[in-house]
Amino acid sequence: MKFDNDEIKKIAHLARININENEAKKVSEKLEGILGLIDQMTQVNTDGIEPMAHALDITQPLREDKVTEVDMREKSLKLSNETDQSLFIVPRVIE
């Protein structure tokens, strides 16, 4: 797909970037290369291939979900000047 300078300038405006004439030609070539690669990829036959989350067939080792820390809620709440149930009450800082 070919891009003319007007299309490149419109794309640059939408992307909120400033480009000059020399840069517009380089951007046009890069966009044409990207779209060509996408066109090649869409022509690949993927029938019978299942989608996968990773290129390698590996799994993430998971650790056992168990509590390893001591509950410090009551001890921490005692350090505060003011609390409400299990919440810290602090002075308002934004009005």
PDB file of N, CA and C in Angstrom:
ATOM      1  N   MET A   1       0.851  -1.177   0.000  1.00  0.00           N
ATOM      2  CA  MET A   1       0.000   0.000   0.000  1.00  0.00           C
ATOM      3  C   MET A   1       0.893   1.237   0.000  1.00  0.00           C
ATOM      4  N   LYS A   2       0.652   2.130  -0.915  1.00  0.00           N
ATOM      5  CA  LYS A   2       1.440   3.353  -1.040  1.00  0.00           C
ATOM      6  C   LYS A   2       0.742   4.493  -0.300  1.00  0.00           C
ATOM      7  N   PHE A   3       1.565   5.335   0.325  1.00  0.00           N
ATOM      8  CA  PHE A   3       1.057   6.515   1.015  1.00  0.00           C
ATOM      9  C   PHE A   3       1.619   7.747   0.327  1.00  0.00           C
ATOM     10  N   ASP A   4       0.767   8.736   0.098  1.00  0.00           N
ATOM     11  CA  ASP A   4       1.289  10.007  -0.405  1.00  0.00           C
ATOM     12  C   ASP A   4       1.544  10.938   0.775  1.00  0.00           C
ATOM     13  N   ASN A   5       2.214  12.071   0.513  1.00  0.00           N
ATOM     14  CA  ASN A   5       2.606  12.982   1.595  1.00  0.00           C
ATOM     15  C   ASN A   5       1.409  13.519   2.366  1.00  0.00           C
ATOM     16  N   ASP A   6       0.291  13.736   1.683  1.00  0.00           N
ATOM     17  CA  ASP A   6      -0.893  14.253   2.375  1.00  0.00           C
ATOM     18  C   ASP A   6      -1.410  13.249   3.400  1.00  0.00           C
ATOM     19  N   GLU A   7      -1.411  11.967   3.023  1.00  0.00           N
ATOM     20  CA  GLU A   7      -1.865  10.938   3.965  1.00  0.00           C
ATOM     21  C   GLU A   7      -0.910  10.827   5.156  1.00  0.00           C
ATOM     22  N   ILE A   8       0.383  10.904   4.892  1.00  0.00           N
ATOM     23  CA  ILE A   8       1.375  10.824   5.960  1.00  0.00           C
ATOM     24  C   ILE A   8       1.216  12.011   6.902  1.00  0.00           C
ATOM     25  N   LYS A   9       1.011  13.198   6.366  1.00  0.00           N
ATOM     26  CA  LYS A   9       0.834  14.384   7.197  1.00  0.00           C
ATOM     27  C   LYS A   9      -0.437  14.281   8.033  1.00  0.00           C
ATOM     28  N   LYS A  10      -1.488  13.694   7.446  1.00  0.00           N
ATOM     29  CA  LYS A  10      -2.731  13.515   8.199  1.00  0.00           C
ATOM     30  C   LYS A  10      -2.526  12.527   9.350  1.00  0.00           C
ATOM     31  N   ILE A  11      -1.825  11.438   9.057  1.00  0.00           N
ATOM     32  CA  ILE A  11      -1.534  10.448  10.105  1.00  0.00           C
ATOM     33  C   ILE A  11      -0.679  11.080  11.200  1.00  0.00           C
ATOM     34  N   ALA A  12       0.316  11.873  10.801  1.00  0.00           N
ATOM     35  CA  ALA A  12       1.186  12.541  11.775  1.00  0.00           C
ATOM     36  C   ALA A  12       0.378  13.508  12.630  1.00  0.00           C
ATOM     37  N   HIS A  13      -0.555  14.217  11.997  1.00  0.00           N
ATOM     38  CA  HIS A  13      -1.400  15.146  12.753  1.00  0.00           C
ATOM     39  C   HIS A  13      -2.256  14.387  13.768  1.00  0.00           C
ATOM     40  N   LEU A  14      -2.847  13.273  13.346  1.00  0.00           N
ATOM     41  CA  LEU A  14      -3.671  12.473  14.256  1.00  0.00           C
ATOM     42  C   LEU A  14      -2.838  11.896  15.400  1.00  0.00           C
ATOM     43  N   ALA A  15      -1.567  11.581  15.117  1.00  0.00           N
ATOM     44  CA  ALA A  15      -0.683  11.042  16.143  1.00  0.00           C
ATOM     45  C   ALA A  15      -0.034  12.146  16.974  1.00  0.00           C
ATOM     46  N   ARG A  16      -0.310  13.384  16.608  1.00  0.00           N
ATOM     47  CA  ARG A  16       0.229  14.554  17.315  1.00  0.00           C
ATOM     48  C   ARG A  16       1.763  14.581  17.286  1.00  0.00           C
ATOM     49  N   ILE A  17       2.324  14.289  16.091  1.00  0.00           N
ATOM     50  CA  ILE A  17       3.768  14.387  15.911  1.00  0.00           C
ATOM     51  C   ILE A  17       4.059  15.333  14.756  1.00  0.00           C
ATOM     52  N   ASN A  18       5.157  16.032  14.854  1.00  0.00           N
ATOM     53  CA  ASN A  18       5.582  16.942  13.790  1.00  0.00           C
ATOM     54  C   ASN A  18       6.649  16.251  12.955  1.00  0.00           C
ATOM     55  N   ILE A  19       6.435  16.221  11.640  1.00  0.00           N
ATOM     56  CA  ILE A  19       7.445  15.652  10.746  1.00  0.00           C
ATOM     57  C   ILE A  19       7.629  16.597   9.569  1.00  0.00           C
ATOM     58  N   ASN A  20       8.865  16.612   9.044  1.00  0.00           N
ATOM     59  CA  ASN A  20       9.129  17.417   7.853  1.00  0.00           C
ATOM     60  C   ASN A  20       9.042  16.512   6.622  1.00  0.00           C
ATOM     61  N   GLU A  21       9.374  17.074   5.448  1.00  0.00           N
ATOM     62  CA  GLU A  21       9.241  16.320   4.194  1.00  0.00           C
ATOM     63  C   GLU A  21      10.147  15.090   4.165  1.00  0.00           C
ATOM     64  N   ASN A  22      11.387  15.241   4.644  1.00  0.00           N
ATOM     65  CA  ASN A  22      12.319  14.100   4.647  1.00  0.00           C
ATOM     66  C   ASN A  22      11.819  12.985   5.566  1.00  0.00           C
ATOM     67  N   GLU A  23      11.332  13.379   6.724  1.00  0.00           N
ATOM     68  CA  GLU A  23      10.813  12.384   7.671  1.00  0.00           C
ATOM     69  C   GLU A  23       9.548  11.736   7.130  1.00  0.00           C
ATOM     70  N   ALA A  24       8.736  12.484   6.400  1.00  0.00           N
ATOM     71  CA  ALA A  24       7.496  11.937   5.845  1.00  0.00           C
ATOM     72  C   ALA A  24       7.802  10.789   4.898  1.00  0.00           C
ATOM     73  N   LYS A  25       8.859  10.926   4.102  1.00  0.00           N
ATOM     74  CA  LYS A  25       9.224   9.851   3.170  1.00  0.00           C
ATOM     75  C   LYS A  25       9.667   8.608   3.940  1.00  0.00           C
ATOM     76  N   LYS A  26      10.480   8.789   5.004  1.00  0.00           N
ATOM     77  CA  LYS A  26      10.931   7.657   5.804  1.00  0.00           C
ATOM     78  C   LYS A  26       9.758   6.974   6.503  1.00  0.00           C
ATOM     79  N   VAL A  27       8.837   7.779   7.038  1.00  0.00           N
ATOM     80  CA  VAL A  27       7.657   7.221   7.714  1.00  0.00           C
ATOM     81  C   VAL A  27       6.818   6.429   6.717  1.00  0.00           C
ATOM     82  N   SER A  28       6.671   6.961   5.510  1.00  0.00           N
ATOM     83  CA  SER A  28       5.904   6.274   4.474  1.00  0.00           C
ATOM     84  C   SER A  28       6.513   4.916   4.176  1.00  0.00           C
ATOM     85  N   GLU A  29       7.848   4.867   4.024  1.00  0.00           N
ATOM     86  CA  GLU A  29       8.522   3.595   3.736  1.00  0.00           C
ATOM     87  C   GLU A  29       8.338   2.609   4.881  1.00  0.00           C
ATOM     88  N   LYS A  30       8.449   3.090   6.112  1.00  0.00           N
ATOM     89  CA  LYS A  30       8.282   2.202   7.268  1.00  0.00           C
ATOM     90  C   LYS A  30       6.863   1.664   7.357  1.00  0.00           C
ATOM     91  N   LEU A  31       5.875   2.538   7.135  1.00  0.00           N
ATOM     92  CA  LEU A  31       4.481   2.086   7.178  1.00  0.00           C
ATOM     93  C   LEU A  31       4.197   1.062   6.084  1.00  0.00           C
ATOM     94  N   GLU A  32       4.739   1.295   4.896  1.00  0.00           N
ATOM     95  CA  GLU A  32       4.551   0.341   3.799  1.00  0.00           C
ATOM     96  C   GLU A  32       5.176  -1.005   4.164  1.00  0.00           C
ATOM     97  N   GLY A  33       6.353  -0.981   4.803  1.00  0.00           N
ATOM     98  CA  GLY A  33       7.000  -2.226   5.231  1.00  0.00           C
ATOM     99  C   GLY A  33       6.182  -2.957   6.287  1.00  0.00           C
ATOM    100  N   ILE A  34       5.653  -2.213   7.241  1.00  0.00           N
ATOM    101  CA  ILE A  34       4.845  -2.819   8.302  1.00  0.00           C
ATOM    102  C   ILE A  34       3.583  -3.442   7.721  1.00  0.00           C
ATOM    103  N   LEU A  35       2.898  -2.702   6.857  1.00  0.00           N
ATOM    104  CA  LEU A  35       1.667  -3.230   6.261  1.00  0.00           C
ATOM    105  C   LEU A  35       1.952  -4.413   5.343  1.00  0.00           C
ATOM    106  N   GLY A  36       3.120  -4.401   4.676  1.00  0.00           N
ATOM    107  CA  GLY A  36       3.511  -5.552   3.857  1.00  0.00           C
ATOM    108  C   GLY A  36       3.730  -6.790   4.709  1.00  0.00           C
ATOM    109  N   LEU A  37       4.377  -6.608   5.853  1.00  0.00           N
ATOM    110  CA  LEU A  37       4.599  -7.729   6.770  1.00  0.00           C
ATOM    111  C   LEU A  37       3.272  -8.266   7.301  1.00  0.00           C
ATOM    112  N   ILE A  38       2.364  -7.378   7.643  1.00  0.00           N
ATOM    113  CA  ILE A  38       1.042  -7.808   8.117  1.00  0.00           C
ATOM    114  C   ILE A  38       0.318  -8.584   7.028  1.00  0.00           C
ATOM    115  N   ASP A  39       0.437  -8.136   5.793  1.00  0.00           N
ATOM    116  CA  ASP A  39      -0.197  -8.831   4.666  1.00  0.00           C
ATOM    117  C   ASP A  39       0.380 -10.238   4.521  1.00  0.00           C
ATOM    118  N   GLN A  40       1.702 -10.367   4.658  1.00  0.00           N
ATOM    119  CA  GLN A  40       2.330 -11.690   4.593  1.00  0.00           C
ATOM    120  C   GLN A  40       1.826 -12.590   5.718  1.00  0.00           C
ATOM    121  N   MET A  41       1.694 -12.032   6.899  1.00  0.00           N
ATOM    122  CA  MET A  41       1.268 -12.826   8.046  1.00  0.00           C
ATOM    123  C   MET A  41      -0.180 -13.293   7.897  1.00  0.00           C
ATOM    124  N   THR A  42      -1.030 -12.481   7.295  1.00  0.00           N
ATOM    125  CA  THR A  42      -2.430 -12.894   7.127  1.00  0.00           C
ATOM    126  C   THR A  42      -2.572 -13.987   6.078  1.00  0.00           C
ATOM    127  N   GLN A  43      -1.571 -14.162   5.215  1.00  0.00           N
ATOM    128  CA  GLN A  43      -1.646 -15.196   4.176  1.00  0.00           C
ATOM    129  C   GLN A  43      -1.165 -16.558   4.658  1.00  0.00           C
ATOM    130  N   VAL A  44      -0.586 -16.607   5.861  1.00  0.00           N
ATOM    131  CA  VAL A  44      -0.101 -17.873   6.392  1.00  0.00           C
ATOM    132  C   VAL A  44      -1.283 -18.740   6.792  1.00  0.00           C
ATOM    133  N   ASN A  45      -1.246 -20.004   6.417  1.00  0.00           N
ATOM    134  CA  ASN A  45      -2.315 -20.950   6.737  1.00  0.00           C
ATOM    135  C   ASN A  45      -2.158 -21.392   8.192  1.00  0.00           C
ATOM    136  N   THR A  46      -3.127 -21.044   9.012  1.00  0.00           N
ATOM    137  CA  THR A  46      -3.084 -21.410  10.428  1.00  0.00           C
ATOM    138  C   THR A  46      -4.196 -22.384  10.804  1.00  0.00           C
ATOM    139  N   ASP A  47      -4.753 -23.060   9.819  1.00  0.00           N
ATOM    140  CA  ASP A  47      -5.795 -24.049  10.104  1.00  0.00           C
ATOM    141  C   ASP A  47      -5.235 -25.164  10.976  1.00  0.00           C
ATOM    142  N   GLY A  48      -5.954 -25.516  12.006  1.00  0.00           N
ATOM    143  CA  GLY A  48      -5.554 -26.605  12.888  1.00  0.00           C
ATOM    144  C   GLY A  48      -4.521 -26.207  13.928  1.00  0.00           C
ATOM    145  N   ILE A  49      -4.149 -24.968  13.969  1.00  0.00           N
ATOM    146  CA  ILE A  49      -3.179 -24.520  14.970  1.00  0.00           C
ATOM    147  C   ILE A  49      -3.938 -23.829  16.093  1.00  0.00           C
ATOM    148  N   GLU A  50      -3.763 -24.335  17.308  1.00  0.00           N
ATOM    149  CA  GLU A  50      -4.469 -23.757  18.451  1.00  0.00           C
ATOM    150  C   GLU A  50      -3.759 -22.500  18.928  1.00  0.00           C
ATOM    151  N   PRO A  51      -4.531 -21.514  19.361  1.00  0.00           N
ATOM    152  CA  PRO A  51      -3.902 -20.307  19.917  1.00  0.00           C
ATOM    153  C   PRO A  51      -3.111 -20.660  21.170  1.00  0.00           C
ATOM    154  N   MET A  52      -2.030 -19.922  21.385  1.00  0.00           N
ATOM    155  CA  MET A  52      -1.231 -20.183  22.569  1.00  0.00           C
ATOM    156  C   MET A  52      -0.828 -18.867  23.216  1.00  0.00           C
ATOM    157  N   ALA A  53      -0.578 -18.918  24.500  1.00  0.00           N
ATOM    158  CA  ALA A  53      -0.240 -17.723  25.259  1.00  0.00           C
ATOM    159  C   ALA A  53       1.251 -17.413  25.188  1.00  0.00           C
ATOM    160  N   HIS A  54       2.073 -18.406  24.821  1.00  0.00           N
ATOM    161  CA  HIS A  54       3.512 -18.209  24.811  1.00  0.00           C
ATOM    162  C   HIS A  54       4.111 -19.033  23.679  1.00  0.00           C
ATOM    163  N   ALA A  55       5.199 -18.570  23.129  1.00  0.00           N
ATOM    164  CA  ALA A  55       5.832 -19.281  22.025  1.00  0.00           C
ATOM    165  C   ALA A  55       6.398 -20.630  22.458  1.00  0.00           C
ATOM    166  N   LEU A  56       6.792 -20.743  23.706  1.00  0.00           N
ATOM    167  CA  LEU A  56       7.308 -22.004  24.225  1.00  0.00           C
ATOM    168  C   LEU A  56       6.218 -22.721  25.007  1.00  0.00           C
ATOM    169  N   ASP A  57       6.202 -24.034  24.921  1.00  0.00           N
ATOM    170  CA  ASP A  57       5.192 -24.818  25.626  1.00  0.00           C
ATOM    171  C   ASP A  57       5.661 -25.059  27.058  1.00  0.00           C
ATOM    172  N   ILE A  58       5.552 -24.009  27.876  1.00  0.00           N
ATOM    173  CA  ILE A  58       5.977 -24.105  29.269  1.00  0.00           C
ATOM    174  C   ILE A  58       4.847 -23.626  30.169  1.00  0.00           C
ATOM    175  N   THR A  59       4.937 -23.993  31.429  1.00  0.00           N
ATOM    176  CA  THR A  59       3.959 -23.506  32.400  1.00  0.00           C
ATOM    177  C   THR A  59       4.707 -22.792  33.518  1.00  0.00           C
ATOM    178  N   GLN A  60       4.040 -21.857  34.121  1.00  0.00           N
ATOM    179  CA  GLN A  60       4.615 -21.105  35.226  1.00  0.00           C
ATOM    180  C   GLN A  60       4.472 -21.922  36.500  1.00  0.00           C
ATOM    181  N   PRO A  61       5.570 -22.208  37.173  1.00  0.00           N
ATOM    182  CA  PRO A  61       5.435 -22.962  38.429  1.00  0.00           C
ATOM    183  C   PRO A  61       4.720 -22.096  39.467  1.00  0.00           C
ATOM    184  N   LEU A  62       3.751 -22.674  40.107  1.00  0.00           N
ATOM    185  CA  LEU A  62       2.976 -21.949  41.102  1.00  0.00           C
ATOM    186  C   LEU A  62       3.357 -22.421  42.491  1.00  0.00           C
ATOM    187  N   ARG A  63       3.387 -21.490  43.416  1.00  0.00           N
ATOM    188  CA  ARG A  63       3.673 -21.860  44.791  1.00  0.00           C
ATOM    189  C   ARG A  63       2.358 -22.113  45.518  1.00  0.00           C
ATOM    190  N   GLU A  64       2.444 -22.812  46.599  1.00  0.00           N
ATOM    191  CA  GLU A  64       1.263 -23.090  47.398  1.00  0.00           C
ATOM    192  C   GLU A  64       0.736 -21.786  47.994  1.00  0.00           C
ATOM    193  N   ASP A  65      -0.559 -21.600  47.959  1.00  0.00           N
ATOM    194  CA  ASP A  65      -1.183 -20.383  48.471  1.00  0.00           C
ATOM    195  C   ASP A  65      -1.437 -20.554  49.960  1.00  0.00           C
ATOM    196  N   LYS A  66      -0.451 -20.133  50.755  1.00  0.00           N
ATOM    197  CA  LYS A  66      -0.616 -20.256  52.197  1.00  0.00           C
ATOM    198  C   LYS A  66      -0.101 -18.981  52.867  1.00  0.00           C
ATOM    199  N   VAL A  67      -0.630 -18.676  54.003  1.00  0.00           N
ATOM    200  CA  VAL A  67      -0.258 -17.486  54.760  1.00  0.00           C
ATOM    201  C   VAL A  67       1.109 -17.728  55.381  1.00  0.00           C
ATOM    202  N   THR A  68       2.022 -16.769  55.159  1.00  0.00           N
ATOM    203  CA  THR A  68       3.357 -16.897  55.728  1.00  0.00           C
ATOM    204  C   THR A  68       3.683 -15.750  56.676  1.00  0.00           C
ATOM    205  N   GLU A  69       2.847 -14.716  56.696  1.00  0.00           N
ATOM    206  CA  GLU A  69       3.066 -13.566  57.561  1.00  0.00           C
ATOM    207  C   GLU A  69       2.115 -13.615  58.752  1.00  0.00           C
ATOM    208  N   VAL A  70       2.543 -13.021  59.840  1.00  0.00           N
ATOM    209  CA  VAL A  70       1.714 -12.932  61.035  1.00  0.00           C
ATOM    210  C   VAL A  70       0.749 -11.764  60.861  1.00  0.00           C
ATOM    211  N   ASP A  71      -0.493 -11.922  61.332  1.00  0.00           N
ATOM    212  CA  ASP A  71      -1.486 -10.838  61.243  1.00  0.00           C
ATOM    213  C   ASP A  71      -1.099  -9.728  62.212  1.00  0.00           C
ATOM    214  N   MET A  72      -0.770  -8.561  61.653  1.00  0.00           N
ATOM    215  CA  MET A  72      -0.301  -7.424  62.449  1.00  0.00           C
ATOM    216  C   MET A  72      -1.365  -6.334  62.572  1.00  0.00           C
ATOM    217  N   ARG A  73      -2.612  -6.622  62.188  1.00  0.00           N
ATOM    218  CA  ARG A  73      -3.643  -5.596  62.167  1.00  0.00           C
ATOM    219  C   ARG A  73      -3.866  -4.967  63.541  1.00  0.00           C
ATOM    220  N   GLU A  74      -4.126  -5.780  64.522  1.00  0.00           N
ATOM    221  CA  GLU A  74      -4.413  -5.246  65.861  1.00  0.00           C
ATOM    222  C   GLU A  74      -3.224  -4.467  66.424  1.00  0.00           C
ATOM    223  N   LYS A  75      -2.044  -4.990  66.221  1.00  0.00           N
ATOM    224  CA  LYS A  75      -0.835  -4.320  66.724  1.00  0.00           C
ATOM    225  C   LYS A  75      -0.638  -2.977  66.018  1.00  0.00           C
ATOM    226  N   SER A  76      -0.888  -2.940  64.712  1.00  0.00           N
ATOM    227  CA  SER A  76      -0.731  -1.705  63.945  1.00  0.00           C
ATOM    228  C   SER A  76      -1.803  -0.687  64.307  1.00  0.00           C
ATOM    229  N   LEU A  77      -3.019  -1.135  64.510  1.00  0.00           N
ATOM    230  CA  LEU A  77      -4.103  -0.216  64.852  1.00  0.00           C
ATOM    231  C   LEU A  77      -3.868   0.441  66.210  1.00  0.00           C
ATOM    232  N   LYS A  78      -3.223  -0.259  67.115  1.00  0.00           N
ATOM    233  CA  LYS A  78      -2.933   0.316  68.430  1.00  0.00           C
ATOM    234  C   LYS A  78      -1.941   1.475  68.340  1.00  0.00           C
ATOM    235  N   LEU A  79      -1.152   1.539  67.282  1.00  0.00           N
ATOM    236  CA  LEU A  79      -0.171   2.613  67.103  1.00  0.00           C
ATOM    237  C   LEU A  79      -0.809   3.917  66.618  1.00  0.00           C
ATOM    238  N   SER A  80      -2.040   3.837  66.125  1.00  0.00           N
ATOM    239  CA  SER A  80      -2.705   5.014  65.573  1.00  0.00           C
ATOM    240  C   SER A  80      -3.424   5.797  66.668  1.00  0.00           C
ATOM    241  N   ASN A  81      -3.518   7.106  66.473  1.00  0.00           N
ATOM    242  CA  ASN A  81      -4.243   7.950  67.430  1.00  0.00           C
ATOM    243  C   ASN A  81      -5.738   7.697  67.372  1.00  0.00           C
ATOM    244  N   GLU A  82      -6.252   7.480  66.145  1.00  0.00           N
ATOM    245  CA  GLU A  82      -7.693   7.311  66.000  1.00  0.00           C
ATOM    246  C   GLU A  82      -7.975   6.212  64.974  1.00  0.00           C
ATOM    247  N   THR A  83      -8.909   5.314  65.331  1.00  0.00           N
ATOM    248  CA  THR A  83      -9.294   4.233  64.425  1.00  0.00           C
ATOM    249  C   THR A  83     -10.807   4.073  64.454  1.00  0.00           C
ATOM    250  N   ASP A  84     -11.311   3.415  63.443  1.00  0.00           N
ATOM    251  CA  ASP A  84     -12.729   3.073  63.381  1.00  0.00           C
ATOM    252  C   ASP A  84     -12.804   1.646  62.860  1.00  0.00           C
ATOM    253  N   GLN A  85     -13.186   0.716  63.714  1.00  0.00           N
ATOM    254  CA  GLN A  85     -13.177  -0.716  63.434  1.00  0.00           C
ATOM    255  C   GLN A  85     -11.771  -1.115  63.012  1.00  0.00           C
ATOM    256  N   SER A  86     -11.543  -1.441  61.745  1.00  0.00           N
ATOM    257  CA  SER A  86     -10.197  -1.847  61.332  1.00  0.00           C
ATOM    258  C   SER A  86      -9.566  -0.819  60.393  1.00  0.00           C
ATOM    259  N   LEU A  87      -9.995   0.440  60.492  1.00  0.00           N
ATOM    260  CA  LEU A  87      -9.495   1.498  59.612  1.00  0.00           C
ATOM    261  C   LEU A  87      -8.739   2.549  60.408  1.00  0.00           C
ATOM    262  N   PHE A  88      -7.712   3.123  59.788  1.00  0.00           N
ATOM    263  CA  PHE A  88      -6.993   4.245  60.378  1.00  0.00           C
ATOM    264  C   PHE A  88      -7.742   5.524  60.034  1.00  0.00           C
ATOM    265  N   ILE A  89      -7.965   6.401  61.005  1.00  0.00           N
ATOM    266  CA  ILE A  89      -8.562   7.711  60.770  1.00  0.00           C
ATOM    267  C   ILE A  89      -7.416   8.721  60.742  1.00  0.00           C
ATOM    268  N   VAL A  90      -7.307   9.436  59.609  1.00  0.00           N
ATOM    269  CA  VAL A  90      -6.225  10.407  59.445  1.00  0.00           C
ATOM    270  C   VAL A  90      -6.826  11.780  59.136  1.00  0.00           C
ATOM    271  N   PRO A  91      -6.095  12.854  59.398  1.00  0.00           N
ATOM    272  CA  PRO A  91      -6.613  14.189  59.094  1.00  0.00           C
ATOM    273  C   PRO A  91      -6.751  14.379  57.579  1.00  0.00           C
ATOM    274  N   ARG A  92      -7.724  15.177  57.198  1.00  0.00           N
ATOM    275  CA  ARG A  92      -7.937  15.488  55.789  1.00  0.00           C
ATOM    276  C   ARG A  92      -6.762  16.310  55.284  1.00  0.00           C
ATOM    277  N   VAL A  93      -6.223  15.933  54.114  1.00  0.00           N
ATOM    278  CA  VAL A  93      -5.080  16.661  53.559  1.00  0.00           C
ATOM    279  C   VAL A  93      -5.442  17.367  52.263  1.00  0.00           C
ATOM    280  N   ILE A  94      -6.534  16.987  51.636  1.00  0.00           N
ATOM    281  CA  ILE A  94      -6.990  17.632  50.402  1.00  0.00           C
ATOM    282  C   ILE A  94      -8.387  18.179  50.660  1.00  0.00           C
ATOM    283  N   GLU A  95      -8.568  19.452  50.342  1.00  0.00           N
ATOM    284  CA  GLU A  95      -9.879  20.049  50.576  1.00  0.00           C
ATOM    285  C   GLU A  95     -10.610  20.272  49.275  1.00  0.00           C
TER     286      GLU A  95
END
